[in-house]
C-alpha atoms as a PDB file:
ATOM      1  CA  UNK A   1     -71.161  52.036  11.560  1.00  0.00           C
ATOM      2  CA  UNK A   2     -70.196  48.705  12.678  1.00  0.00           C
ATOM      3  CA  UNK A   3     -66.969  46.853  11.920  1.00  0.00           C
ATOM      4  CA  UNK A   4     -67.041  43.158  11.471  1.00  0.00           C
ATOM      5  CA  UNK A   5     -64.059  41.467  12.770  1.00  0.00           C
ATOM      6  CA  UNK A   6     -62.879  38.420  11.467  1.00  0.00           C
ATOM      7  CA  UNK A   7     -62.034  35.742  13.742  1.00  0.00           C
ATOM      8  CA  UNK A   8     -59.025  33.666  12.904  1.00  0.00           C
ATOM      9  CA  UNK A   9     -58.719  30.384  14.592  1.00  0.00           C
ATOM     10  CA  UNK A  10     -55.287  29.091  15.008  1.00  0.00           C
ATOM     11  CA  UNK A  11     -55.139  25.368  15.246  1.00  0.00           C
ATOM     12  CA  UNK A  12     -52.239  23.605  16.743  1.00  0.00           C
ATOM     13  CA  UNK A  13     -50.678  21.189  14.325  1.00  0.00           C
ATOM     14  CA  UNK A  14     -51.352  17.649  15.326  1.00  0.00           C
ATOM     15  CA  UNK A  15     -48.572  15.943  17.214  1.00  0.00           C
ATOM     16  CA  UNK A  16     -47.644  13.856  14.326  1.00  0.00           C
ATOM     17  CA  UNK A  17     -46.786  16.770  12.259  1.00  0.00           C
ATOM     18  CA  UNK A  18     -44.538  18.144  15.044  1.00  0.00           C
ATOM     19  CA  UNK A  19     -42.583  14.925  14.959  1.00  0.00           C
ATOM     20  CA  UNK A  20     -41.999  14.938  11.348  1.00  0.00           C
ATOM     21  CA  UNK A  21     -40.684  18.514  11.630  1.00  0.00           C
ATOM     22  CA  UNK A  22     -38.269  17.452  14.181  1.00  0.00           C
ATOM     23  CA  UNK A  23     -37.172  14.400  12.143  1.00  0.00           C
ATOM     24  CA  UNK A  24     -36.657  16.802   9.030  1.00  0.00           C
ATOM     25  CA  UNK A  25     -34.496  19.070  11.133  1.00  0.00           C
ATOM     26  CA  UNK A  26     -32.324  16.142  12.361  1.00  0.00           C
ATOM     27  CA  UNK A  27     -32.020  14.763   8.848  1.00  0.00           C
ATOM     28  CA  UNK A  28     -30.762  18.045   7.619  1.00  0.00           C
ATOM     29  CA  UNK A  29     -28.408  18.393  10.553  1.00  0.00           C
ATOM     30  CA  UNK A  30     -26.934  14.976   9.801  1.00  0.00           C
ATOM     31  CA  UNK A  31     -26.481  15.904   6.207  1.00  0.00           C
ATOM     32  CA  UNK A  32     -24.644  19.100   7.144  1.00  0.00           C
ATOM     33  CA  UNK A  33     -22.401  17.318   9.628  1.00  0.00           C
ATOM     34  CA  UNK A  34     -21.751  14.538   7.042  1.00  0.00           C
ATOM     35  CA  UNK A  35     -20.945  17.097   4.310  1.00  0.00           C
ATOM     36  CA  UNK A  36     -18.537  18.995   6.677  1.00  0.00           C
ATOM     37  CA  UNK A  37     -16.740  15.693   7.625  1.00  0.00           C
ATOM     38  CA  UNK A  38     -16.288  14.903   3.935  1.00  0.00           C
ATOM     39  CA  UNK A  39     -14.836  18.421   3.243  1.00  0.00           C
ATOM     40  CA  UNK A  40     -12.492  18.046   6.304  1.00  0.00           C
ATOM     41  CA  UNK A  41     -11.269  14.594   5.020  1.00  0.00           C
ATOM     42  CA  UNK A  42     -10.664  15.797   1.573  1.00  0.00           C
ATOM     43  CA  UNK A  43      -8.837  18.743   2.794  1.00  0.00           C
ATOM     44  CA  UNK A  44      -6.580  16.643   5.140  1.00  0.00           C
ATOM     45  CA  UNK A  45      -5.859  14.407   2.163  1.00  0.00           C
ATOM     46  CA  UNK A  46      -4.806  17.313   0.067  1.00  0.00           C
ATOM     47  CA  UNK A  47      -2.485  18.647   2.655  1.00  0.00           C
ATOM     48  CA  UNK A  48      -0.959  15.012   2.973  1.00  0.00           C
ATOM     49  CA  UNK A  49      -0.536  14.775  -0.774  1.00  0.00           C
ATOM     50  CA  UNK A  50       1.094  18.251  -0.943  1.00  0.00           C
ATOM     51  CA  UNK A  51       3.515  17.290   1.769  1.00  0.00           C
ATOM     52  CA  UNK A  52       4.515  14.060  -0.010  1.00  0.00           C
ATOM     53  CA  UNK A  53       4.868  15.903  -3.327  1.00  0.00           C
ATOM     54  CA  UNK A  54       7.212  18.274  -1.499  1.00  0.00           C
ATOM     55  CA  UNK A  55       9.148  15.528   0.109  1.00  0.00           C
ATOM     56  CA  UNK A  56       9.582  13.665  -3.248  1.00  0.00           C
ATOM     57  CA  UNK A  57      10.597  16.916  -4.965  1.00  0.00           C
ATOM     58  CA  UNK A  58      13.214  17.625  -2.310  1.00  0.00           C
ATOM     59  CA  UNK A  59      14.588  14.088  -2.610  1.00  0.00           C
ATOM     60  CA  UNK A  60      14.854  14.503  -6.445  1.00  0.00           C
ATOM     61  CA  UNK A  61      16.680  17.637  -5.758  1.00  0.00           C
ATOM     62  CA  UNK A  62      19.193  15.854  -3.610  1.00  0.00           C
ATOM     63  CA  UNK A  63      19.626  13.170  -6.330  1.00  0.00           C
ATOM     64  CA  UNK A  64      20.412  15.879  -8.896  1.00  0.00           C
ATOM     65  CA  UNK A  65      22.777  17.465  -6.521  1.00  0.00           C
ATOM     66  CA  UNK A  66      24.707  14.188  -6.103  1.00  0.00           C
ATOM     67  CA  UNK A  67      24.839  13.733  -9.861  1.00  0.00           C
ATOM     68  CA  UNK A  68      26.359  17.071 -10.307  1.00  0.00           C
ATOM     69  CA  UNK A  69      28.869  16.359  -7.682  1.00  0.00           C
ATOM     70  CA  UNK A  70      29.816  13.192  -9.465  1.00  0.00           C
ATOM     71  CA  UNK A  71      30.199  15.144 -12.789  1.00  0.00           C
ATOM     72  CA  UNK A  72      32.488  17.681 -10.901  1.00  0.00           C
ATOM     73  CA  UNK A  73      34.564  14.867  -9.523  1.00  0.00           C
ATOM     74  CA  UNK A  74      35.001  13.330 -12.987  1.00  0.00           C
ATOM     75  CA  UNK A  75      35.923  16.781 -14.467  1.00  0.00           C
ATOM     76  CA  UNK A  76      38.532  17.389 -11.670  1.00  0.00           C
ATOM     77  CA  UNK A  77      39.885  13.872 -12.363  1.00  0.00           C
ATOM     78  CA  UNK A  78      40.259  14.650 -16.046  1.00  0.00           C
ATOM     79  CA  UNK A  79      42.215  17.834 -15.294  1.00  0.00           C
ATOM     80  CA  UNK A  80      44.520  15.871 -13.003  1.00  0.00           C
ATOM     81  CA  UNK A  81      45.416  13.055 -15.322  1.00  0.00           C
ATOM     82  CA  UNK A  82      44.303  11.436 -18.438  1.00  0.00           C
ATOM     83  CA  UNK A  83      43.905   7.921 -17.240  1.00  0.00           C
ATOM     84  CA  UNK A  84      41.459   6.427 -14.873  1.00  0.00           C
ATOM     85  CA  UNK A  85      42.191   4.125 -11.896  1.00  0.00           C
ATOM     86  CA  UNK A  86      40.189   2.846  -9.003  1.00  0.00           C
ATOM     87  CA  UNK A  87      42.548   4.959  -6.690  1.00  0.00           C
ATOM     88  CA  UNK A  88      41.499   8.268  -8.311  1.00  0.00           C
ATOM     89  CA  UNK A  89      39.334  10.778  -6.511  1.00  0.00           C
ATOM     90  CA  UNK A  90      36.256   9.877  -8.295  1.00  0.00           C
ATOM     91  CA  UNK A  91      36.358   6.155  -7.116  1.00  0.00           C
ATOM     92  CA  UNK A  92      36.625   7.051  -3.408  1.00  0.00           C
ATOM     93  CA  UNK A  93      33.479   6.853  -1.174  1.00  0.00           C
ATOM     94  CA  UNK A  94      32.008  10.401  -0.554  1.00  0.00           C
ATOM     95  CA  UNK A  95      32.268  10.959   3.373  1.00  0.00           C
ATOM     96  CA  UNK A  96      28.908  11.290   4.853  1.00  0.00           C
ATOM     97  CA  UNK A  97      27.475  14.929   4.300  1.00  0.00           C
ATOM     98  CA  UNK A  98      24.885  16.577   6.604  1.00  0.00           C
ATOM     99  CA  UNK A  99      22.457  19.138   5.341  1.00  0.00           C
ATOM    100  CA  UNK A 100      20.027  21.041   7.581  1.00  0.00           C
ATOM    101  CA  UNK A 101      16.801  22.198   6.078  1.00  0.00           C
ATOM    102  CA  UNK A 102      14.708  25.357   6.812  1.00  0.00           C
ATOM    103  CA  UNK A 103      12.047  22.956   8.351  1.00  0.00           C
ATOM    104  CA  UNK A 104      14.543  21.713  10.875  1.00  0.00           C
ATOM    105  CA  UNK A 105      15.012  18.351   9.179  1.00  0.00           C
ATOM    106  CA  UNK A 106      18.568  17.058   8.969  1.00  0.00           C
ATOM    107  CA  UNK A 107      19.469  15.088   5.769  1.00  0.00           C
ATOM    108  CA  UNK A 108      22.650  12.835   5.713  1.00  0.00           C
ATOM    109  CA  UNK A 109      23.799  11.376   2.381  1.00  0.00           C
ATOM    110  CA  UNK A 110      26.860   9.624   1.055  1.00  0.00           C
ATOM    111  CA  UNK A 111      27.688   8.022  -2.259  1.00  0.00           C
ATOM    112  CA  UNK A 112      30.235   6.273  -4.503  1.00  0.00           C
ATOM    113  CA  UNK A 113      30.815   6.183  -8.228  1.00  0.00           C
ATOM    114  CA  UNK A 114      31.483   2.733  -9.561  1.00  0.00           C
ATOM    115  CA  UNK A 115      33.211   1.945 -12.860  1.00  0.00           C
ATOM    116  CA  UNK A 116      30.684   0.009 -14.931  1.00  0.00           C
ATOM    117  CA  UNK A 117      32.840  -0.191 -18.107  1.00  0.00           C
ATOM    118  CA  UNK A 118      34.760  -3.209 -16.789  1.00  0.00           C
ATOM    119  CA  UNK A 119      31.807  -5.375 -16.348  1.00  0.00           C
ATOM    120  CA  UNK A 120      29.880  -7.646 -18.761  1.00  0.00           C
ATOM    121  CA  UNK A 121      26.788  -6.328 -20.388  1.00  0.00           C
ATOM    122  CA  UNK A 122      24.572  -9.408 -20.427  1.00  0.00           C
ATOM    123  CA  UNK A 123      22.089  -7.412 -22.464  1.00  0.00           C
ATOM    124  CA  UNK A 124      24.522  -7.377 -25.423  1.00  0.00           C
ATOM    125  CA  UNK A 125      25.097 -11.180 -25.178  1.00  0.00           C
ATOM    126  CA  UNK A 126      21.555 -12.008 -26.002  1.00  0.00           C
END
């Protein structure tokens, strides 16, 4: 019994096909790197937006704190006397206060209440 062996010829791809394969790999690599750069840029922007939002929210909390402080000063003034004068506690400038945050940032703020009742409301004149 005799076995017939098949001969398979392996041909080398032409040089032009190897060049196209290399170009295809390079194009895919460029696309992957570009995609990674876009993802990194979006992530960086998202982190900055989050930091900005936290800073804005923190600032708003300081504004609300100052508003509560002003309300407290007016309540204390009402208990002291029944009339208002520019020499009362509420009309004095708040000395500069300093707060230290957990992040290590130092916040300084000051404020003053102004009596707006004694001024002209130009909107009502029109």
